[in-house]
Amino acid sequence: MEKEDVLLIMQRDLAKALQKPPEKRQWGMLIDTRKCIGCHACTIGCVAEYKLPPGVVYRPVIDLESGKFPNVKRQFLPRPCFQCETPSCVPVCPVKATQKGPDGIVTIDYTKCIGCRSCVAACPYGARTFDAGAYYTDGTPAVQEYEKAVAYEYGKAWRRDAKHAAVVGSARKCHFCTSRLAKGLLPVCVATCIGRATYFGDLTDDQSLIRQVMAANKPYRLKEETGNKPQVYYI
């Protein structure tokens, strides 16, 4: 019998979690590095979804090589924001532009952010970037319209070409696709992963697929010594 696509299972888990109040759920992610082939579909899907400019990447895939020739090993490590339980980026923000929501997602208020980049320096995972206002088509006869198109983040529409555009000059990062979650859609990195290496769901639900996969394996978190307690796990 043909197995059901895990995306459909996670979609149901998502719908179930959305029935609960935000404070009763905890969004988390599990990345199976055994399945990741370094195709960067998640990275490109995220860039396209949020019209990300040069220097701003929410979901890079780090290429790791270990060993000594000829016994070498290559591994790929996708790195979203870790939505830490005790995020070091929150207390260092002088204007409280960075906050942790009741569902565990750490957000940035672009209208408050002053671009000091204290949060960028404080993140031990390098998960934050800075929007300097550049376009990929800078230096060409015309900046293309697709680079200036409206992007939806945190439930709002943002333009980068508007006067005093809030996103320009602000810190930016992955936010588990809050706008998509609100519509009942999985994060774009999960939906575009061709190897189904990324799992997403409510960590408080023992019956969710992400919790079942975690229970069947030995997941770990990066840089546990920081005390940030990330909500992104790896296999």
C-alpha atoms as a PDB file:
ATOM      1  CA  MET A   1       0.000   0.000   0.000  1.00  0.00           C
ATOM      2  CA  GLU A   2       1.346   3.396  -0.940  1.00  0.00           C
ATOM      3  CA  LYS A   3       2.280   5.501   2.076  1.00  0.00           C
ATOM      4  CA  GLU A   4       0.566   8.808   2.704  1.00  0.00           C
ATOM      5  CA  ASP A   5       2.720  11.866   2.092  1.00  0.00           C
ATOM      6  CA  VAL A   6       3.985  13.230   5.396  1.00  0.00           C
ATOM      7  CA  LEU A   7       2.953  16.716   4.284  1.00  0.00           C
ATOM      8  CA  LEU A   8      -0.691  15.668   4.440  1.00  0.00           C
ATOM      9  CA  ILE A   9      -0.204  14.254   7.929  1.00  0.00           C
ATOM     10  CA  MET A  10       1.515  17.425   9.126  1.00  0.00           C
ATOM     11  CA  GLN A  11      -1.218  19.510   7.534  1.00  0.00           C
ATOM     12  CA  ARG A  12      -3.783  17.699   9.671  1.00  0.00           C
ATOM     13  CA  ASP A  13      -1.585  18.116  12.742  1.00  0.00           C
ATOM     14  CA  LEU A  14      -1.404  21.833  11.988  1.00  0.00           C
ATOM     15  CA  ALA A  15      -5.180  22.149  11.682  1.00  0.00           C
ATOM     16  CA  LYS A  16      -5.571  20.336  14.993  1.00  0.00           C
ATOM     17  CA  ALA A  17      -3.070  22.597  16.744  1.00  0.00           C
ATOM     18  CA  LEU A  18      -4.742  25.733  15.431  1.00  0.00           C
ATOM     19  CA  GLN A  19      -7.893  24.742  17.293  1.00  0.00           C
ATOM     20  CA  LYS A  20      -6.060  25.386  20.558  1.00  0.00           C
ATOM     21  CA  PRO A  21      -5.299  28.852  21.982  1.00  0.00           C
ATOM     22  CA  PRO A  22      -1.744  30.054  21.177  1.00  0.00           C
ATOM     23  CA  GLU A  23      -0.507  29.590  24.732  1.00  0.00           C
ATOM     24  CA  LYS A  24      -1.547  25.922  24.648  1.00  0.00           C
ATOM     25  CA  ARG A  25       0.645  25.019  21.657  1.00  0.00           C
ATOM     26  CA  GLN A  26       4.393  25.100  21.037  1.00  0.00           C
ATOM     27  CA  TRP A  27       5.545  25.186  17.441  1.00  0.00           C
ATOM     28  CA  GLY A  28       8.691  23.204  16.755  1.00  0.00           C
ATOM     29  CA  MET A  29      10.735  21.840  13.884  1.00  0.00           C
ATOM     30  CA  LEU A  30      12.697  18.635  13.371  1.00  0.00           C
ATOM     31  CA  ILE A  31      15.259  18.327  10.573  1.00  0.00           C
ATOM     32  CA  ASP A  32      16.487  14.892   9.497  1.00  0.00           C
ATOM     33  CA  THR A  33      19.974  15.558   8.123  1.00  0.00           C
ATOM     34  CA  ARG A  34      20.083  11.986   6.784  1.00  0.00           C
ATOM     35  CA  LYS A  35      17.487  12.994   4.217  1.00  0.00           C
ATOM     36  CA  CYS A  36      18.786  16.466   3.334  1.00  0.00           C
ATOM     37  CA  ILE A  37      20.606  16.422  -0.027  1.00  0.00           C
ATOM     38  CA  GLY A  38      21.592  20.093  -0.078  1.00  0.00           C
ATOM     39  CA  CYS A  39      19.246  21.020  -2.925  1.00  0.00           C
ATOM     40  CA  HIS A  40      18.496  24.420  -1.302  1.00  0.00           C
ATOM     41  CA  ALA A  41      14.820  24.182  -2.299  1.00  0.00           C
ATOM     42  CA  CYS A  42      13.877  25.374   1.195  1.00  0.00           C
ATOM     43  CA  THR A  43      16.223  28.365   0.918  1.00  0.00           C
ATOM     44  CA  ILE A  44      14.968  29.436  -2.500  1.00  0.00           C
ATOM     45  CA  GLY A  45      11.339  28.815  -1.576  1.00  0.00           C
ATOM     46  CA  CYS A  46      11.746  31.103   1.433  1.00  0.00           C
ATOM     47  CA  VAL A  47      13.495  33.811  -0.606  1.00  0.00           C
ATOM     48  CA  ALA A  48      10.691  33.726  -3.164  1.00  0.00           C
ATOM     49  CA  GLU A  49       7.925  33.690  -0.534  1.00  0.00           C
ATOM     50  CA  TYR A  50       9.233  36.772   1.272  1.00  0.00           C
ATOM     51  CA  LYS A  51      10.959  38.627  -1.606  1.00  0.00           C
ATOM     52  CA  LEU A  52      14.167  38.541   0.428  1.00  0.00           C
ATOM     53  CA  PRO A  53      16.895  40.973  -0.702  1.00  0.00           C
ATOM     54  CA  PRO A  54      20.662  40.388  -0.936  1.00  0.00           C
ATOM     55  CA  GLY A  55      22.209  39.561   2.425  1.00  0.00           C
ATOM     56  CA  VAL A  56      18.916  38.433   3.979  1.00  0.00           C
ATOM     57  CA  VAL A  57      18.422  34.681   4.179  1.00  0.00           C
ATOM     58  CA  TYR A  58      16.027  33.036   6.612  1.00  0.00           C
ATOM     59  CA  ARG A  59      16.837  29.402   5.847  1.00  0.00           C
ATOM     60  CA  PRO A  60      20.404  28.816   4.656  1.00  0.00           C
ATOM     61  CA  VAL A  61      21.744  25.298   4.221  1.00  0.00           C
ATOM     62  CA  ILE A  62      25.238  24.933   5.625  1.00  0.00           C
ATOM     63  CA  ASP A  63      27.591  22.603   3.729  1.00  0.00           C
ATOM     64  CA  LEU A  64      29.754  20.620   6.159  1.00  0.00           C
ATOM     65  CA  GLU A  65      32.734  18.436   5.255  1.00  0.00           C
ATOM     66  CA  SER A  66      34.634  16.281   7.720  1.00  0.00           C
ATOM     67  CA  GLY A  67      37.343  13.672   7.646  1.00  0.00           C
ATOM     68  CA  LYS A  68      40.582  13.415   5.715  1.00  0.00           C
ATOM     69  CA  PHE A  69      40.895  12.448   2.070  1.00  0.00           C
ATOM     70  CA  PRO A  70      40.015   9.897   0.857  1.00  0.00           C
ATOM     71  CA  ASN A  71      37.793   9.197   3.871  1.00  0.00           C
ATOM     72  CA  VAL A  72      35.671  12.309   3.776  1.00  0.00           C
ATOM     73  CA  LYS A  73      32.047  12.889   4.696  1.00  0.00           C
ATOM     74  CA  ARG A  74      29.741  15.612   3.477  1.00  0.00           C
ATOM     75  CA  GLN A  75      26.630  16.704   5.358  1.00  0.00           C
ATOM     76  CA  PHE A  76      24.059  19.442   4.896  1.00  0.00           C
ATOM     77  CA  LEU A  77      22.619  21.399   7.802  1.00  0.00           C
ATOM     78  CA  PRO A  78      19.557  23.609   7.184  1.00  0.00           C
ATOM     79  CA  ARG A  79      19.525  26.449   9.715  1.00  0.00           C
ATOM     80  CA  PRO A  80      16.292  28.354  10.349  1.00  0.00           C
ATOM     81  CA  CYS A  81      15.703  30.557  13.373  1.00  0.00           C
ATOM     82  CA  PHE A  82      15.598  28.240  16.379  1.00  0.00           C
ATOM     83  CA  GLN A  83      12.695  30.036  18.141  1.00  0.00           C
ATOM     84  CA  CYS A  84      14.507  29.500  21.429  1.00  0.00           C
ATOM     85  CA  GLU A  85      12.665  28.939  24.681  1.00  0.00           C
ATOM     86  CA  THR A  86      15.011  31.445  26.333  1.00  0.00           C
ATOM     87  CA  PRO A  87      16.167  33.525  23.346  1.00  0.00           C
ATOM     88  CA  SER A  88      19.272  35.658  23.895  1.00  0.00           C
ATOM     89  CA  CYS A  89      18.090  38.076  21.193  1.00  0.00           C
ATOM     90  CA  VAL A  90      15.062  39.311  23.174  1.00  0.00           C
ATOM     91  CA  PRO A  91      16.628  40.922  26.286  1.00  0.00           C
ATOM     92  CA  VAL A  92      19.321  42.779  24.311  1.00  0.00           C
ATOM     93  CA  CYS A  93      16.830  44.709  22.143  1.00  0.00           C
ATOM     94  CA  PRO A  94      16.808  48.296  23.496  1.00  0.00           C
ATOM     95  CA  VAL A  95      13.374  49.109  22.023  1.00  0.00           C
ATOM     96  CA  LYS A  96      11.630  45.772  22.634  1.00  0.00           C
ATOM     97  CA  ALA A  97      11.191  45.204  18.916  1.00  0.00           C
ATOM     98  CA  THR A  98      11.943  41.509  19.416  1.00  0.00           C
ATOM     99  CA  GLN A  99       9.470  39.519  21.462  1.00  0.00           C
ATOM    100  CA  LYS A 100       8.572  35.900  22.096  1.00  0.00           C
ATOM    101  CA  GLY A 101       4.955  35.018  21.376  1.00  0.00           C
ATOM    102  CA  PRO A 102       2.733  32.692  23.432  1.00  0.00           C
ATOM    103  CA  ASP A 103       3.126  29.948  20.807  1.00  0.00           C
ATOM    104  CA  GLY A 104       6.919  30.055  21.072  1.00  0.00           C
ATOM    105  CA  ILE A 105       7.705  32.027  17.915  1.00  0.00           C
ATOM    106  CA  VAL A 106      10.174  34.888  18.304  1.00  0.00           C
ATOM    107  CA  THR A 107       9.073  37.876  16.225  1.00  0.00           C
ATOM    108  CA  ILE A 108      10.439  41.230  15.108  1.00  0.00           C
ATOM    109  CA  ASP A 109       8.346  44.408  14.961  1.00  0.00           C
ATOM    110  CA  TYR A 110       9.796  46.247  11.968  1.00  0.00           C
ATOM    111  CA  THR A 111       8.059  49.462  12.987  1.00  0.00           C
ATOM    112  CA  LYS A 112      10.013  49.491  16.259  1.00  0.00           C
ATOM    113  CA  CYS A 113      13.374  48.091  15.139  1.00  0.00           C
ATOM    114  CA  ILE A 114      16.085  50.786  14.981  1.00  0.00           C
ATOM    115  CA  GLY A 115      18.635  48.611  13.216  1.00  0.00           C
ATOM    116  CA  CYS A 116      21.183  48.569  16.042  1.00  0.00           C
ATOM    117  CA  ARG A 117      21.879  44.888  15.324  1.00  0.00           C
ATOM    118  CA  SER A 118      22.354  43.971  18.973  1.00  0.00           C
ATOM    119  CA  CYS A 119      20.128  40.950  18.390  1.00  0.00           C
ATOM    120  CA  VAL A 120      22.195  39.903  15.369  1.00  0.00           C
ATOM    121  CA  ALA A 121      25.319  39.842  17.543  1.00  0.00           C
ATOM    122  CA  ALA A 122      23.531  38.110  20.434  1.00  0.00           C
ATOM    123  CA  CYS A 123      22.209  35.141  18.450  1.00  0.00           C
ATOM    124  CA  PRO A 124      24.591  32.202  18.952  1.00  0.00           C
ATOM    125  CA  TYR A 125      23.252  30.517  15.820  1.00  0.00           C
ATOM    126  CA  GLY A 126      23.773  33.332  13.335  1.00  0.00           C
ATOM    127  CA  ALA A 127      20.078  33.140  12.508  1.00  0.00           C
ATOM    128  CA  ARG A 128      19.531  36.889  12.175  1.00  0.00           C
ATOM    129  CA  THR A 129      20.416  39.087   9.228  1.00  0.00           C
ATOM    130  CA  PHE A 130      20.082  42.796   8.426  1.00  0.00           C
ATOM    131  CA  ASP A 131      18.145  44.423   5.593  1.00  0.00           C
ATOM    132  CA  ALA A 132      20.466  47.115   4.231  1.00  0.00           C
ATOM    133  CA  GLY A 133      18.027  48.107   1.492  1.00  0.00           C
ATOM    134  CA  ALA A 134      19.852  46.506  -1.439  1.00  0.00           C
ATOM    135  CA  TYR A 135      18.275  44.949  -4.535  1.00  0.00           C
ATOM    136  CA  TYR A 136      19.658  42.157  -6.705  1.00  0.00           C
ATOM    137  CA  THR A 137      19.169  44.376  -9.741  1.00  0.00           C
ATOM    138  CA  ASP A 138      21.029  47.376  -8.299  1.00  0.00           C
ATOM    139  CA  GLY A 139      23.402  48.752 -10.934  1.00  0.00           C
ATOM    140  CA  THR A 140      21.215  47.634 -13.837  1.00  0.00           C
ATOM    141  CA  PRO A 141      19.059  49.979 -15.937  1.00  0.00           C
ATOM    142  CA  ALA A 142      16.083  49.400 -13.649  1.00  0.00           C
ATOM    143  CA  VAL A 143      15.258  47.673 -10.383  1.00  0.00           C
ATOM    144  CA  GLN A 144      12.787  44.983 -11.318  1.00  0.00           C
ATOM    145  CA  GLU A 145       9.214  45.114 -10.074  1.00  0.00           C
ATOM    146  CA  TYR A 146       9.316  41.600  -8.624  1.00  0.00           C
ATOM    147  CA  GLU A 147      11.937  42.796  -6.142  1.00  0.00           C
ATOM    148  CA  LYS A 148       9.623  45.571  -4.993  1.00  0.00           C
ATOM    149  CA  ALA A 149       6.526  43.405  -4.717  1.00  0.00           C
ATOM    150  CA  VAL A 150       4.539  43.208  -1.493  1.00  0.00           C
ATOM    151  CA  ALA A 151       5.676  40.526   0.958  1.00  0.00           C
ATOM    152  CA  TYR A 152       3.543  39.241   3.806  1.00  0.00           C
ATOM    153  CA  GLU A 153       5.119  38.667   7.208  1.00  0.00           C
ATOM    154  CA  TYR A 154       3.621  38.608  10.692  1.00  0.00           C
ATOM    155  CA  GLY A 155       0.163  38.974   9.182  1.00  0.00           C
ATOM    156  CA  LYS A 156       0.963  42.285   7.493  1.00  0.00           C
ATOM    157  CA  ALA A 157       1.896  43.473   4.012  1.00  0.00           C
ATOM    158  CA  TRP A 158       5.327  45.069   3.650  1.00  0.00           C
ATOM    159  CA  ARG A 159       6.879  46.977   0.761  1.00  0.00           C
ATOM    160  CA  ARG A 160      10.590  47.677   0.451  1.00  0.00           C
ATOM    161  CA  ASP A 161      10.284  50.459  -2.133  1.00  0.00           C
ATOM    162  CA  ALA A 162       7.911  52.637  -0.134  1.00  0.00           C
ATOM    163  CA  LYS A 163       9.166  55.778   1.551  1.00  0.00           C
ATOM    164  CA  HIS A 164      10.344  54.954   5.073  1.00  0.00           C
ATOM    165  CA  ALA A 165       9.795  51.230   4.407  1.00  0.00           C
ATOM    166  CA  ALA A 166       9.942  49.605   7.831  1.00  0.00           C
ATOM    167  CA  VAL A 167      11.731  46.438   6.723  1.00  0.00           C
ATOM    168  CA  VAL A 168      14.703  48.379   5.344  1.00  0.00           C
ATOM    169  CA  GLY A 169      17.192  49.022   8.114  1.00  0.00           C
ATOM    170  CA  SER A 170      15.672  46.308  10.294  1.00  0.00           C
ATOM    171  CA  ALA A 171      16.897  42.971  11.590  1.00  0.00           C
ATOM    172  CA  ARG A 172      15.163  40.076   9.843  1.00  0.00           C
ATOM    173  CA  LYS A 173      14.898  36.351  10.419  1.00  0.00           C
ATOM    174  CA  CYS A 174      12.880  33.179  10.003  1.00  0.00           C
ATOM    175  CA  HIS A 175       9.563  33.218  11.861  1.00  0.00           C
ATOM    176  CA  PHE A 176       8.171  29.787  10.983  1.00  0.00           C
ATOM    177  CA  CYS A 177       5.990  31.507   8.365  1.00  0.00           C
ATOM    178  CA  THR A 178       3.519  33.052  10.804  1.00  0.00           C
ATOM    179  CA  SER A 179       1.346  34.393   7.958  1.00  0.00           C
ATOM    180  CA  ARG A 180       1.080  30.926   6.423  1.00  0.00           C
ATOM    181  CA  LEU A 181       0.347  29.299   9.781  1.00  0.00           C
ATOM    182  CA  ALA A 182      -2.505  31.733  10.346  1.00  0.00           C
ATOM    183  CA  LYS A 183      -4.019  30.508   7.058  1.00  0.00           C
ATOM    184  CA  GLY A 184      -3.558  26.874   7.987  1.00  0.00           C
ATOM    185  CA  LEU A 185      -0.531  26.345   5.726  1.00  0.00           C
ATOM    186  CA  LEU A 186       2.761  24.696   6.601  1.00  0.00           C
ATOM    187  CA  PRO A 187       5.963  26.784   6.541  1.00  0.00           C
ATOM    188  CA  VAL A 188       7.278  27.128   3.006  1.00  0.00           C
ATOM    189  CA  CYS A 189      10.541  25.337   3.858  1.00  0.00           C
ATOM    190  CA  VAL A 190       8.566  22.287   4.946  1.00  0.00           C
ATOM    191  CA  ALA A 191       6.338  22.309   1.864  1.00  0.00           C
ATOM    192  CA  THR A 192       9.221  22.680  -0.615  1.00  0.00           C
ATOM    193  CA  CYS A 193      11.559  20.056   0.894  1.00  0.00           C
ATOM    194  CA  ILE A 194      11.855  17.414  -1.829  1.00  0.00           C
ATOM    195  CA  GLY A 195      13.325  14.851   0.554  1.00  0.00           C
ATOM    196  CA  ARG A 196      10.699  15.444   3.261  1.00  0.00           C
ATOM    197  CA  ALA A 197      13.586  16.085   5.644  1.00  0.00           C
ATOM    198  CA  THR A 198      11.799  18.783   7.643  1.00  0.00           C
ATOM    199  CA  TYR A 199       9.024  18.059  10.121  1.00  0.00           C
ATOM    200  CA  PHE A 200       6.868  20.726  11.721  1.00  0.00           C
ATOM    201  CA  GLY A 201       4.143  20.699  14.309  1.00  0.00           C
ATOM    202  CA  ASP A 202       2.942  21.239  17.841  1.00  0.00           C
ATOM    203  CA  LEU A 203       5.476  19.898  20.332  1.00  0.00           C
ATOM    204  CA  THR A 204       2.815  19.674  23.046  1.00  0.00           C
ATOM    205  CA  ASP A 205       0.867  17.090  21.015  1.00  0.00           C
ATOM    206  CA  ASP A 206       2.251  13.617  21.703  1.00  0.00           C
ATOM    207  CA  GLN A 207       0.264  12.239  18.767  1.00  0.00           C
ATOM    208  CA  SER A 208       1.668  14.665  16.193  1.00  0.00           C
ATOM    209  CA  LEU A 209       3.989  13.321  13.504  1.00  0.00           C
ATOM    210  CA  ILE A 210       6.908  15.454  14.665  1.00  0.00           C
ATOM    211  CA  ARG A 211       6.694  14.024  18.188  1.00  0.00           C
ATOM    212  CA  GLN A 212       6.374  10.476  16.865  1.00  0.00           C
ATOM    213  CA  VAL A 213       9.464  10.854  14.683  1.00  0.00           C
ATOM    214  CA  MET A 214      11.350  12.364  17.607  1.00  0.00           C
ATOM    215  CA  ALA A 215      10.355   9.458  19.850  1.00  0.00           C
ATOM    216  CA  ALA A 216      11.560   6.932  17.275  1.00  0.00           C
ATOM    217  CA  ASN A 217      14.976   8.564  16.941  1.00  0.00           C
ATOM    218  CA  LYS A 218      17.584  10.376  19.011  1.00  0.00           C
ATOM    219  CA  PRO A 219      17.087  14.080  18.240  1.00  0.00           C
ATOM    220  CA  TYR A 220      19.586  16.674  19.416  1.00  0.00           C
ATOM    221  CA  ARG A 221      19.762  20.455  19.597  1.00  0.00           C
ATOM    222  CA  LEU A 222      22.661  22.674  18.606  1.00  0.00           C
ATOM    223  CA  LYS A 223      24.750  24.508  21.184  1.00  0.00           C
ATOM    224  CA  GLU A 224      22.878  23.262  24.217  1.00  0.00           C
ATOM    225  CA  GLU A 225      25.553  24.902  26.366  1.00  0.00           C
ATOM    226  CA  THR A 226      24.147  28.365  25.550  1.00  0.00           C
ATOM    227  CA  GLY A 227      20.997  27.664  27.555  1.00  0.00           C
ATOM    228  CA  ASN A 228      18.815  29.077  24.764  1.00  0.00           C
ATOM    229  CA  LYS A 229      16.817  25.832  24.517  1.00  0.00           C
ATOM    230  CA  PRO A 230      16.045  25.955  20.780  1.00  0.00           C
ATOM    231  CA  GLN A 231      12.781  24.502  19.497  1.00  0.00           C
ATOM    232  CA  VAL A 232      14.470  23.190  16.359  1.00  0.00           C
ATOM    233  CA  TYR A 233      15.800  19.641  16.663  1.00  0.00           C
ATOM    234  CA  TYR A 234      18.026  17.541  14.414  1.00  0.00           C
ATOM    235  CA  ILE A 235      18.470  13.871  13.613  1.00  0.00           C
END
